[in-house]
PDB file of N, CA and C in Angstrom:
ATOM      1  N   MET A   1      67.533 149.525  59.990  1.00  0.00           N
ATOM      2  CA  MET A   1      66.798 149.225  61.177  1.00  0.00           C
ATOM      3  C   MET A   1      66.538 150.537  61.909  1.00  0.00           C
ATOM      4  N   THR A   2      65.303 150.698  62.297  1.00  0.00           N
ATOM      5  CA  THR A   2      64.914 151.944  62.963  1.00  0.00           C
ATOM      6  C   THR A   2      65.271 151.872  64.439  1.00  0.00           C
ATOM      7  N   ALA A   3      65.207 153.000  65.060  1.00  0.00           N
ATOM      8  CA  ALA A   3      65.516 153.093  66.490  1.00  0.00           C
ATOM      9  C   ALA A   3      64.528 152.259  67.301  1.00  0.00           C
ATOM     10  N   GLU A   4      63.263 152.280  66.879  1.00  0.00           N
ATOM     11  CA  GLU A   4      62.257 151.503  67.601  1.00  0.00           C
ATOM     12  C   GLU A   4      62.516 150.005  67.464  1.00  0.00           C
ATOM     13  N   GLN A   5      62.928 149.550  66.290  1.00  0.00           N
ATOM     14  CA  GLN A   5      63.247 148.140  66.081  1.00  0.00           C
ATOM     15  C   GLN A   5      64.461 147.734  66.937  1.00  0.00           C
ATOM     16  N   ARG A   6      65.434 148.657  66.973  1.00  0.00           N
ATOM     17  CA  ARG A   6      66.618 148.384  67.794  1.00  0.00           C
ATOM     18  C   ARG A   6      66.231 148.268  69.264  1.00  0.00           C
ATOM     19  N   LEU A   7      65.355 149.161  69.713  1.00  0.00           N
ATOM     20  CA  LEU A   7      64.907 149.136  71.099  1.00  0.00           C
ATOM     21  C   LEU A   7      64.146 147.845  71.388  1.00  0.00           C
ATOM     22  N   ASP A   8      63.272 147.425  70.458  1.00  0.00           N
ATOM     23  CA  ASP A   8      62.545 146.166  70.620  1.00  0.00           C
ATOM     24  C   ASP A   8      63.519 144.982  70.710  1.00  0.00           C
ATOM     25  N   ARG A   9      64.516 145.029  69.849  1.00  0.00           N
ATOM     26  CA  ARG A   9      65.511 143.951  69.845  1.00  0.00           C
ATOM     27  C   ARG A   9      66.277 143.923  71.172  1.00  0.00           C
ATOM     28  N   LEU A  10      66.681 145.079  71.655  1.00  0.00           N
ATOM     29  CA  LEU A  10      67.379 145.169  72.935  1.00  0.00           C
ATOM     30  C   LEU A  10      66.493 144.669  74.074  1.00  0.00           C
ATOM     31  N   GLU A  11      65.190 144.959  74.023  1.00  0.00           N
ATOM     32  CA  GLU A  11      64.265 144.492  75.053  1.00  0.00           C
ATOM     33  C   GLU A  11      64.169 142.961  75.035  1.00  0.00           C
ATOM     34  N   ARG A  12      64.121 142.390  73.825  1.00  0.00           N
ATOM     35  CA  ARG A  12      64.070 140.929  73.705  1.00  0.00           C
ATOM     36  C   ARG A  12      65.349 140.295  74.255  1.00  0.00           C
ATOM     37  N   VAL A  13      66.472 140.881  73.944  1.00  0.00           N
ATOM     38  CA  VAL A  13      67.754 140.368  74.432  1.00  0.00           C
ATOM     39  C   VAL A  13      67.799 140.490  75.954  1.00  0.00           C
ATOM     40  N   ALA A  14      67.344 141.615  76.487  1.00  0.00           N
ATOM     41  CA  ALA A  14      67.332 141.813  77.932  1.00  0.00           C
ATOM     42  C   ALA A  14      66.421 140.782  78.598  1.00  0.00           C
ATOM     43  N   LYS A  15      65.265 140.491  78.004  1.00  0.00           N
ATOM     44  CA  LYS A  15      64.362 139.476  78.549  1.00  0.00           C
ATOM     45  C   LYS A  15      65.021 138.098  78.527  1.00  0.00           C
ATOM     46  N   LEU A  16      65.760 137.805  77.456  1.00  0.00           N
ATOM     47  CA  LEU A  16      66.468 136.527  77.370  1.00  0.00           C
ATOM     48  C   LEU A  16      67.526 136.421  78.468  1.00  0.00           C
ATOM     49  N   PHE A  17      68.244 137.537  78.711  1.00  0.00           N
ATOM     50  CA  PHE A  17      69.239 137.549  79.789  1.00  0.00           C
ATOM     51  C   PHE A  17      68.585 137.317  81.150  1.00  0.00           C
ATOM     52  N   VAL A  18      67.463 137.981  81.370  1.00  0.00           N
ATOM     53  CA  VAL A  18      66.759 137.823  82.644  1.00  0.00           C
ATOM     54  C   VAL A  18      66.297 136.376  82.811  1.00  0.00           C
ATOM     55  N   ALA A  19      65.710 135.812  81.756  1.00  0.00           N
ATOM     56  CA  ALA A  19      65.239 134.429  81.820  1.00  0.00           C
ATOM     57  C   ALA A  19      66.416 133.475  82.057  1.00  0.00           C
ATOM     58  N   ALA A  20      67.532 133.730  81.384  1.00  0.00           N
ATOM     59  CA  ALA A  20      68.711 132.885  81.573  1.00  0.00           C
ATOM     60  C   ALA A  20      69.233 133.018  83.005  1.00  0.00           C
ATOM     61  N   GLY A  21      69.230 134.206  83.557  1.00  0.00           N
ATOM     62  CA  GLY A  21      69.668 134.425  84.937  1.00  0.00           C
ATOM     63  C   GLY A  21      68.778 133.705  85.926  1.00  0.00           C
ATOM     64  N   ILE A  22      67.453 133.796  85.706  1.00  0.00           N
ATOM     65  CA  ILE A  22      66.497 133.108  86.587  1.00  0.00           C
ATOM     66  C   ILE A  22      66.732 131.594  86.519  1.00  0.00           C
ATOM     67  N   ARG A  23      66.909 131.077  85.305  1.00  0.00           N
ATOM     68  CA  ARG A  23      67.165 129.650  85.120  1.00  0.00           C
ATOM     69  C   ARG A  23      68.482 129.236  85.808  1.00  0.00           C
ATOM     70  N   ALA A  24      69.492 130.071  85.649  1.00  0.00           N
ATOM     71  CA  ALA A  24      70.795 129.757  86.252  1.00  0.00           C
ATOM     72  C   ALA A  24      70.698 129.747  87.781  1.00  0.00           C
ATOM     73  N   ARG A  25      69.970 130.722  88.353  1.00  0.00           N
ATOM     74  CA  ARG A  25      69.805 130.741  89.816  1.00  0.00           C
ATOM     75  C   ARG A  25      69.031 129.519  90.298  1.00  0.00           C
ATOM     76  N   ARG A  26      67.981 129.135  89.568  1.00  0.00           N
ATOM     77  CA  ARG A  26      67.201 127.947  89.936  1.00  0.00           C
ATOM     78  C   ARG A  26      68.078 126.692  89.855  1.00  0.00           C
ATOM     79  N   ASP A  27      68.868 126.591  88.792  1.00  0.00           N
ATOM     80  CA  ASP A  27      69.754 125.443  88.639  1.00  0.00           C
ATOM     81  C   ASP A  27      70.814 125.421  89.743  1.00  0.00           C
ATOM     82  N   MET A  28      71.323 126.582  90.111  1.00  0.00           N
ATOM     83  CA  MET A  28      72.325 126.665  91.173  1.00  0.00           C
ATOM     84  C   MET A  28      71.721 126.225  92.507  1.00  0.00           C
ATOM     85  N   ARG A  29      70.483 126.656  92.803  1.00  0.00           N
ATOM     86  CA  ARG A  29      69.829 126.229  94.029  1.00  0.00           C
ATOM     87  C   ARG A  29      69.644 124.716  94.044  1.00  0.00           C
ATOM     88  N   HIS A  30      69.246 124.180  92.891  1.00  0.00           N
ATOM     89  CA  HIS A  30      69.057 122.741  92.771  1.00  0.00           C
ATOM     90  C   HIS A  30      70.393 122.010  92.978  1.00  0.00           C
ATOM     91  N   LEU A  31      71.448 122.512  92.387  1.00  0.00           N
ATOM     92  CA  LEU A  31      72.767 121.912  92.571  1.00  0.00           C
ATOM     93  C   LEU A  31      73.233 122.040  94.016  1.00  0.00           C
ATOM     94  N   ASP A  32      72.969 123.170  94.646  1.00  0.00           N
ATOM     95  CA  ASP A  32      73.328 123.349  96.055  1.00  0.00           C
ATOM     96  C   ASP A  32      72.629 122.309  96.926  1.00  0.00           C
ATOM     97  N   GLU A  33      71.358 122.028  96.629  1.00  0.00           N
ATOM     98  CA  GLU A  33      70.631 121.001  97.377  1.00  0.00           C
ATOM     99  C   GLU A  33      71.288 119.637  97.194  1.00  0.00           C
ATOM    100  N   LYS A  34      71.646 119.322  95.947  1.00  0.00           N
ATOM    101  CA  LYS A  34      72.288 118.035  95.675  1.00  0.00           C
ATOM    102  C   LYS A  34      73.645 117.945  96.358  1.00  0.00           C
ATOM    103  N   ILE A  35      74.399 119.027  96.348  1.00  0.00           N
ATOM    104  CA  ILE A  35      75.700 119.040  97.010  1.00  0.00           C
ATOM    105  C   ILE A  35      75.512 118.847  98.518  1.00  0.00           C
ATOM    106  N   GLY A  36      74.502 119.491  99.076  1.00  0.00           N
ATOM    107  CA  GLY A  36      74.204 119.313 100.499  1.00  0.00           C
ATOM    108  C   GLY A  36      73.880 117.873 100.829  1.00  0.00           C
ATOM    109  N   ILE A  37      73.102 117.233  99.978  1.00  0.00           N
ATOM    110  CA  ILE A  37      72.768 115.817 100.171  1.00  0.00           C
ATOM    111  C   ILE A  37      74.029 114.961 100.107  1.00  0.00           C
ATOM    112  N   LEU A  38      74.899 115.248  99.135  1.00  0.00           N
ATOM    113  CA  LEU A  38      76.150 114.495  99.008  1.00  0.00           C
ATOM    114  C   LEU A  38      77.062 114.704 100.220  1.00  0.00           C
ATOM    115  N   VAL A  39      77.134 115.926 100.711  1.00  0.00           N
ATOM    116  CA  VAL A  39      77.965 116.211 101.881  1.00  0.00           C
ATOM    117  C   VAL A  39      77.428 115.445 103.095  1.00  0.00           C
ATOM    118  N   ASP A  40      76.112 115.479 103.286  1.00  0.00           N
ATOM    119  CA  ASP A  40      75.509 114.744 104.405  1.00  0.00           C
ATOM    120  C   ASP A  40      75.784 113.243 104.288  1.00  0.00           C
ATOM    121  N   ALA A  41      75.664 112.718 103.076  1.00  0.00           N
ATOM    122  CA  ALA A  41      75.926 111.289 102.863  1.00  0.00           C
ATOM    123  C   ALA A  41      77.397 110.965 103.136  1.00  0.00           C
ATOM    124  N   GLN A  42      78.288 111.856 102.717  1.00  0.00           N
ATOM    125  CA  GLN A  42      79.712 111.628 102.951  1.00  0.00           C
ATOM    126  C   GLN A  42      80.023 111.632 104.446  1.00  0.00           C
ATOM    127  N   ILE A  43      79.434 112.555 105.172  1.00  0.00           N
ATOM    128  CA  ILE A  43      79.642 112.624 106.620  1.00  0.00           C
ATOM    129  C   ILE A  43      79.142 111.340 107.277  1.00  0.00           C
ATOM    130  N   ALA A  44      77.949 110.892 106.868  1.00  0.00           N
ATOM    131  CA  ALA A  44      77.402 109.650 107.426  1.00  0.00           C
ATOM    132  C   ALA A  44      78.302 108.463 107.096  1.00  0.00           C
ATOM    133  N   ASN A  45      78.822 108.412 105.866  1.00  0.00           N
ATOM    134  CA  ASN A  45      79.711 107.310 105.481  1.00  0.00           C
ATOM    135  C   ASN A  45      81.013 107.346 106.274  1.00  0.00           C
ATOM    136  N   GLU A  46      81.548 108.536 106.491  1.00  0.00           N
ATOM    137  CA  GLU A  46      82.783 108.643 107.272  1.00  0.00           C
ATOM    138  C   GLU A  46      82.553 108.151 108.699  1.00  0.00           C
ATOM    139  N   GLU A  47      81.397 108.468 109.268  1.00  0.00           N
ATOM    140  CA  GLU A  47      81.081 107.982 110.615  1.00  0.00           C
ATOM    141  C   GLU A  47      80.964 106.465 110.618  1.00  0.00           C
ATOM    142  N   LYS A  48      80.309 105.918 109.585  1.00  0.00           N
ATOM    143  CA  LYS A  48      80.172 104.466 109.496  1.00  0.00           C
ATOM    144  C   LYS A  48      81.531 103.801 109.311  1.00  0.00           C
ATOM    145  N   PHE A  49      82.392 104.386 108.483  1.00  0.00           N
ATOM    146  CA  PHE A  49      83.721 103.814 108.271  1.00  0.00           C
ATOM    147  C   PHE A  49      84.554 103.880 109.547  1.00  0.00           C
ATOM    148  N   ALA A  50      84.412 104.968 110.299  1.00  0.00           N
ATOM    149  CA  ALA A  50      85.139 105.081 111.566  1.00  0.00           C
ATOM    150  C   ALA A  50      84.663 104.003 112.539  1.00  0.00           C
ATOM    151  N   ALA A  51      83.352 103.788 112.602  1.00  0.00           N
ATOM    152  CA  ALA A  51      82.806 102.744 113.476  1.00  0.00           C
ATOM    153  C   ALA A  51      83.269 101.369 113.002  1.00  0.00           C
ATOM    154  N   LEU A  52      83.303 101.173 111.694  1.00  0.00           N
ATOM    155  CA  LEU A  52      83.753  99.895 111.139  1.00  0.00           C
ATOM    156  C   LEU A  52      85.232  99.662 111.452  1.00  0.00           C
ATOM    157  N   ALA A  53      86.047 100.700 111.324  1.00  0.00           N
ATOM    158  CA  ALA A  53      87.468 100.573 111.636  1.00  0.00           C
ATOM    159  C   ALA A  53      87.660 100.250 113.112  1.00  0.00           C
ATOM    160  N   ASP A  54      86.881 100.895 113.977  1.00  0.00           N
ATOM    161  CA  ASP A  54      86.957 100.613 115.410  1.00  0.00           C
ATOM    162  C   ASP A  54      86.554  99.169 115.687  1.00  0.00           C
ATOM    163  N   SER A  55      85.494  98.732 115.067  1.00  0.00           N
ATOM    164  CA  SER A  55      85.033  97.349 115.224  1.00  0.00           C
ATOM    165  C   SER A  55      86.102  96.374 114.732  1.00  0.00           C
ATOM    166  N   GLN A  56      86.744  96.704 113.631  1.00  0.00           N
ATOM    167  CA  GLN A  56      87.801  95.841 113.094  1.00  0.00           C
ATOM    168  C   GLN A  56      88.975  95.756 114.063  1.00  0.00           C
ATOM    169  N   ARG A  57      89.342  96.877 114.682  1.00  0.00           N
ATOM    170  CA  ARG A  57      90.431  96.863 115.666  1.00  0.00           C
ATOM    171  C   ARG A  57      90.066  95.981 116.867  1.00  0.00           C
ATOM    172  N   ARG A  58      88.817  96.095 117.335  1.00  0.00           N
ATOM    173  CA  ARG A  58      88.380  95.252 118.457  1.00  0.00           C
ATOM    174  C   ARG A  58      88.413  93.772 118.064  1.00  0.00           C
ATOM    175  N   THR A  59      87.942  93.473 116.874  1.00  0.00           N
ATOM    176  CA  THR A  59      87.945  92.092 116.389  1.00  0.00           C
ATOM    177  C   THR A  59      89.371  91.570 116.278  1.00  0.00           C
ATOM    178  N   ASP A  60      90.266  92.392 115.750  1.00  0.00           N
ATOM    179  CA  ASP A  60      91.670  91.976 115.635  1.00  0.00           C
ATOM    180  C   ASP A  60      92.269  91.677 117.008  1.00  0.00           C
ATOM    181  N   ARG A  61      91.962  92.522 117.990  1.00  0.00           N
ATOM    182  CA  ARG A  61      92.480  92.286 119.346  1.00  0.00           C
ATOM    183  C   ARG A  61      91.932  90.971 119.912  1.00  0.00           C
ATOM    184  N   ARG A  62      90.631  90.740 119.700  1.00  0.00           N
ATOM    185  CA  ARG A  62      90.039  89.494 120.198  1.00  0.00           C
ATOM    186  C   ARG A  62      90.656  88.278 119.507  1.00  0.00           C
ATOM    187  N   LEU A  63      90.881  88.391 118.204  1.00  0.00           N
ATOM    188  CA  LEU A  63      91.496  87.286 117.470  1.00  0.00           C
ATOM    189  C   LEU A  63      92.924  87.037 117.942  1.00  0.00           C
ATOM    190  N   ASP A  64      93.658  88.110 118.184  1.00  0.00           N
ATOM    191  CA  ASP A  64      95.027  87.954 118.691  1.00  0.00           C
ATOM    192  C   ASP A  64      95.021  87.246 120.039  1.00  0.00           C
ATOM    193  N   THR A  65      94.113  87.655 120.910  1.00  0.00           N
ATOM    194  CA  THR A  65      94.004  87.031 122.234  1.00  0.00           C
ATOM    195  C   THR A  65      93.625  85.562 122.100  1.00  0.00           C
ATOM    196  N   ALA A  66      92.661  85.284 121.254  1.00  0.00           N
ATOM    197  CA  ALA A  66      92.229  83.898 121.047  1.00  0.00           C
ATOM    198  C   ALA A  66      93.356  83.069 120.443  1.00  0.00           C
ATOM    199  N   GLN A  67      94.108  83.651 119.530  1.00  0.00           N
ATOM    200  CA  GLN A  67      95.218  82.938 118.905  1.00  0.00           C
ATOM    201  C   GLN A  67      96.278  82.579 119.943  1.00  0.00           C
ATOM    202  N   LEU A  68      96.597  83.528 120.819  1.00  0.00           N
ATOM    203  CA  LEU A  68      97.574  83.243 121.875  1.00  0.00           C
ATOM    204  C   LEU A  68      97.075  82.138 122.802  1.00  0.00           C
ATOM    205  N   ALA A  69      95.801  82.210 123.171  1.00  0.00           N
ATOM    206  CA  ALA A  69      95.232  81.178 124.037  1.00  0.00           C
ATOM    207  C   ALA A  69      95.281  79.819 123.345  1.00  0.00           C
ATOM    208  N   ASN A  70      94.967  79.783 122.063  1.00  0.00           N
ATOM    209  CA  ASN A  70      95.006  78.516 121.326  1.00  0.00           C
ATOM    210  C   ASN A  70      96.429  77.974 121.228  1.00  0.00           C
ATOM    211  N   GLU A  71      97.389  78.849 121.020  1.00  0.00           N
ATOM    212  CA  GLU A  71      98.774  78.399 120.950  1.00  0.00           C
ATOM    213  C   GLU A  71      99.205  77.800 122.285  1.00  0.00           C
ATOM    214  N   GLU A  72      98.787  78.413 123.389  1.00  0.00           N
ATOM    215  CA  GLU A  72      99.108  77.859 124.708  1.00  0.00           C
ATOM    216  C   GLU A  72      98.437  76.502 124.891  1.00  0.00           C
ATOM    217  N   ARG A  73      97.186  76.396 124.473  1.00  0.00           N
ATOM    218  CA  ARG A  73      96.473  75.113 124.597  1.00  0.00           C
ATOM    219  C   ARG A  73      97.131  74.028 123.757  1.00  0.00           C
ATOM    220  N   PHE A  74      97.529  74.388 122.525  1.00  0.00           N
ATOM    221  CA  PHE A  74      98.179  73.406 121.659  1.00  0.00           C
ATOM    222  C   PHE A  74      99.527  72.977 122.238  1.00  0.00           C
ATOM    223  N   ALA A  75     100.255  73.912 122.838  1.00  0.00           N
ATOM    224  CA  ALA A  75     101.530  73.561 123.469  1.00  0.00           C
ATOM    225  C   ALA A  75     101.284  72.601 124.629  1.00  0.00           C
ATOM    226  N   ALA A  76     100.273  72.889 125.444  1.00  0.00           N
ATOM    227  CA  ALA A  76      99.932  72.001 126.562  1.00  0.00           C
ATOM    228  C   ALA A  76      99.488  70.636 126.045  1.00  0.00           C
ATOM    229  N   LEU A  77      98.709  70.639 124.976  1.00  0.00           N
ATOM    230  CA  LEU A  77      98.256  69.377 124.385  1.00  0.00           C
ATOM    231  C   LEU A  77      99.435  68.581 123.841  1.00  0.00           C
ATOM    232  N   ALA A  78     100.369  69.247 123.185  1.00  0.00           N
ATOM    233  CA  ALA A  78     101.550  68.556 122.652  1.00  0.00           C
ATOM    234  C   ALA A  78     102.373  67.977 123.795  1.00  0.00           C
ATOM    235  N   ASP A  79     102.522  68.731 124.880  1.00  0.00           N
ATOM    236  CA  ASP A  79     103.261  68.241 126.043  1.00  0.00           C
ATOM    237  C   ASP A  79     102.559  67.016 126.641  1.00  0.00           C
ATOM    238  N   SER A  80     101.245  67.100 126.776  1.00  0.00           N
ATOM    239  CA  SER A  80     100.462  65.981 127.302  1.00  0.00           C
ATOM    240  C   SER A  80     100.581  64.761 126.393  1.00  0.00           C
ATOM    241  N   GLN A  81     100.560  65.001 125.098  1.00  0.00           N
ATOM    242  CA  GLN A  81     100.680  63.906 124.131  1.00  0.00           C
ATOM    243  C   GLN A  81     102.056  63.237 124.250  1.00  0.00           C
ATOM    244  N   ARG A  82     103.094  64.063 124.454  1.00  0.00           N
ATOM    245  CA  ARG A  82     104.441  63.517 124.605  1.00  0.00           C
ATOM    246  C   ARG A  82     104.523  62.631 125.863  1.00  0.00           C
ATOM    247  N   HIS A  83     103.932  63.110 126.973  1.00  0.00           N
ATOM    248  CA  HIS A  83     103.919  62.315 128.202  1.00  0.00           C
ATOM    249  C   HIS A  83     103.133  61.013 128.004  1.00  0.00           C
ATOM    250  N   THR A  84     102.013  61.115 127.318  1.00  0.00           N
ATOM    251  CA  THR A  84     101.201  59.921 127.045  1.00  0.00           C
ATOM    252  C   THR A  84     101.989  58.930 126.205  1.00  0.00           C
ATOM    253  N   ASP A  85     102.688  59.437 125.183  1.00  0.00           N
ATOM    254  CA  ASP A  85     103.495  58.555 124.334  1.00  0.00           C
ATOM    255  C   ASP A  85     104.589  57.874 125.143  1.00  0.00           C
ATOM    256  N   GLU A  86     105.226  58.623 126.060  1.00  0.00           N
ATOM    257  CA  GLU A  86     106.281  58.046 126.900  1.00  0.00           C
ATOM    258  C   GLU A  86     105.707  56.944 127.793  1.00  0.00           C
ATOM    259  N   LYS A  87     104.566  57.228 128.419  1.00  0.00           N
ATOM    260  CA  LYS A  87     103.940  56.229 129.298  1.00  0.00           C
ATOM    261  C   LYS A  87     103.490  55.010 128.512  1.00  0.00           C
ATOM    262  N   LEU A  88     102.942  55.251 127.301  1.00  0.00           N
ATOM    263  CA  LEU A  88     102.506  54.137 126.458  1.00  0.00           C
ATOM    264  C   LEU A  88     103.701  53.299 126.033  1.00  0.00           C
ATOM    265  N   ALA A  89     104.802  53.937 125.702  1.00  0.00           N
ATOM    266  CA  ALA A  89     106.011  53.196 125.317  1.00  0.00           C
ATOM    267  C   ALA A  89     106.509  52.360 126.487  1.00  0.00           C
ATOM    268  N   ALA A  90     106.468  52.920 127.699  1.00  0.00           N
ATOM    269  CA  ALA A  90     106.894  52.161 128.882  1.00  0.00           C
ATOM    270  C   ALA A  90     105.965  50.982 129.115  1.00  0.00           C
ATOM    271  N   LEU A  91     104.674  51.176 128.957  1.00  0.00           N
ATOM    272  CA  LEU A  91     103.708  50.085 129.123  1.00  0.00           C
ATOM    273  C   LEU A  91     103.934  48.997 128.091  1.00  0.00           C
ATOM    274  N   ILE A  92     104.198  49.406 126.863  1.00  0.00           N
ATOM    275  CA  ILE A  92     104.454  48.427 125.795  1.00  0.00           C
ATOM    276  C   ILE A  92     105.699  47.614 126.133  1.00  0.00           C
ATOM    277  N   ASP A  93     106.723  48.288 126.648  1.00  0.00           N
ATOM    278  CA  ASP A  93     107.944  47.560 127.039  1.00  0.00           C
ATOM    279  C   ASP A  93     107.639  46.539 128.137  1.00  0.00           C
ATOM    280  N   VAL A  94     106.807  46.920 129.116  1.00  0.00           N
ATOM    281  CA  VAL A  94     106.440  46.011 130.203  1.00  0.00           C
ATOM    282  C   VAL A  94     105.676  44.822 129.648  1.00  0.00           C
ATOM    283  N   VAL A  95     104.709  45.083 128.776  1.00  0.00           N
ATOM    284  CA  VAL A  95     103.897  44.003 128.202  1.00  0.00           C
ATOM    285  C   VAL A  95     104.768  43.093 127.360  1.00  0.00           C
ATOM    286  N   ARG A  96     105.652  43.631 126.580  1.00  0.00           N
ATOM    287  CA  ARG A  96     106.549  42.799 125.761  1.00  0.00           C
ATOM    288  C   ARG A  96     107.447  41.947 126.647  1.00  0.00           C
ATOM    289  N   GLY A  97     107.907  42.559 127.720  1.00  0.00           N
ATOM    290  CA  GLY A  97     108.773  41.812 128.651  1.00  0.00           C
ATOM    291  C   GLY A  97     107.997  40.651 129.283  1.00  0.00           C
ATOM    292  N   GLN A  98     106.742  40.858 129.599  1.00  0.00           N
ATOM    293  CA  GLN A  98     105.926  39.784 130.184  1.00  0.00           C
ATOM    294  C   GLN A  98     105.648  38.703 129.149  1.00  0.00           C
ATOM    295  N   ASN A  99     105.443  39.105 127.901  1.00  0.00           N
ATOM    296  CA  ASN A  99     105.162  38.130 126.853  1.00  0.00           C
ATOM    297  C   ASN A  99     106.414  37.308 126.526  1.00  0.00           C
ATOM    298  N   ASN A 100     107.573  37.844 126.760  1.00  0.00           N
ATOM    299  CA  ASN A 100     108.808  37.117 126.490  1.00  0.00           C
ATOM    300  C   ASN A 100     109.255  36.328 127.718  1.00  0.00           C
ATOM    301  N   GLY A 101     108.433  36.303 128.753  1.00  0.00           N
ATOM    302  CA  GLY A 101     108.759  35.562 129.944  1.00  0.00           C
ATOM    303  C   GLY A 101     109.672  36.327 130.873  1.00  0.00           C
ATOM    304  N   GLN A 102     109.847  37.580 130.598  1.00  0.00           N
ATOM    305  CA  GLN A 102     110.698  38.390 131.455  1.00  0.00           C
ATOM    306  C   GLN A 102     109.815  39.201 132.371  1.00  0.00           C
ATOM    307  N   GLN A 103     110.195  39.216 133.599  1.00  0.00           N
ATOM    308  CA  GLN A 103     109.497  40.044 134.580  1.00  0.00           C
ATOM    309  C   GLN A 103     110.415  41.208 134.902  1.00  0.00           C
ATOM    310  N   THR A 104     109.868  42.357 134.916  1.00  0.00           N
ATOM    311  CA  THR A 104     110.683  43.520 135.265  1.00  0.00           C
ATOM    312  C   THR A 104     110.270  44.068 136.599  1.00  0.00           C
TER     313      THR A 104
END
């Protein structure tokens, strides 16, 4: 191989390196853009998840409050039902006494 052939070969190799470098830089820029898009999406998702977690905490507090109120209402209803049952039992006793000819 002559010196000129070697020089031509070296020039071709150098051109291939330059082309590969240009391609690599273009690909890196493209990847940087994609990474930027992913980072922006991740930030937006984290904000949405934080808002969702806050909303869930508010909902849990409201449910806890509603549950306590319902438990109080059910206790009052059970107490009222017990009083009603007592009064009904007393009325039944009075009616039975009247039906048996007994006056109380």
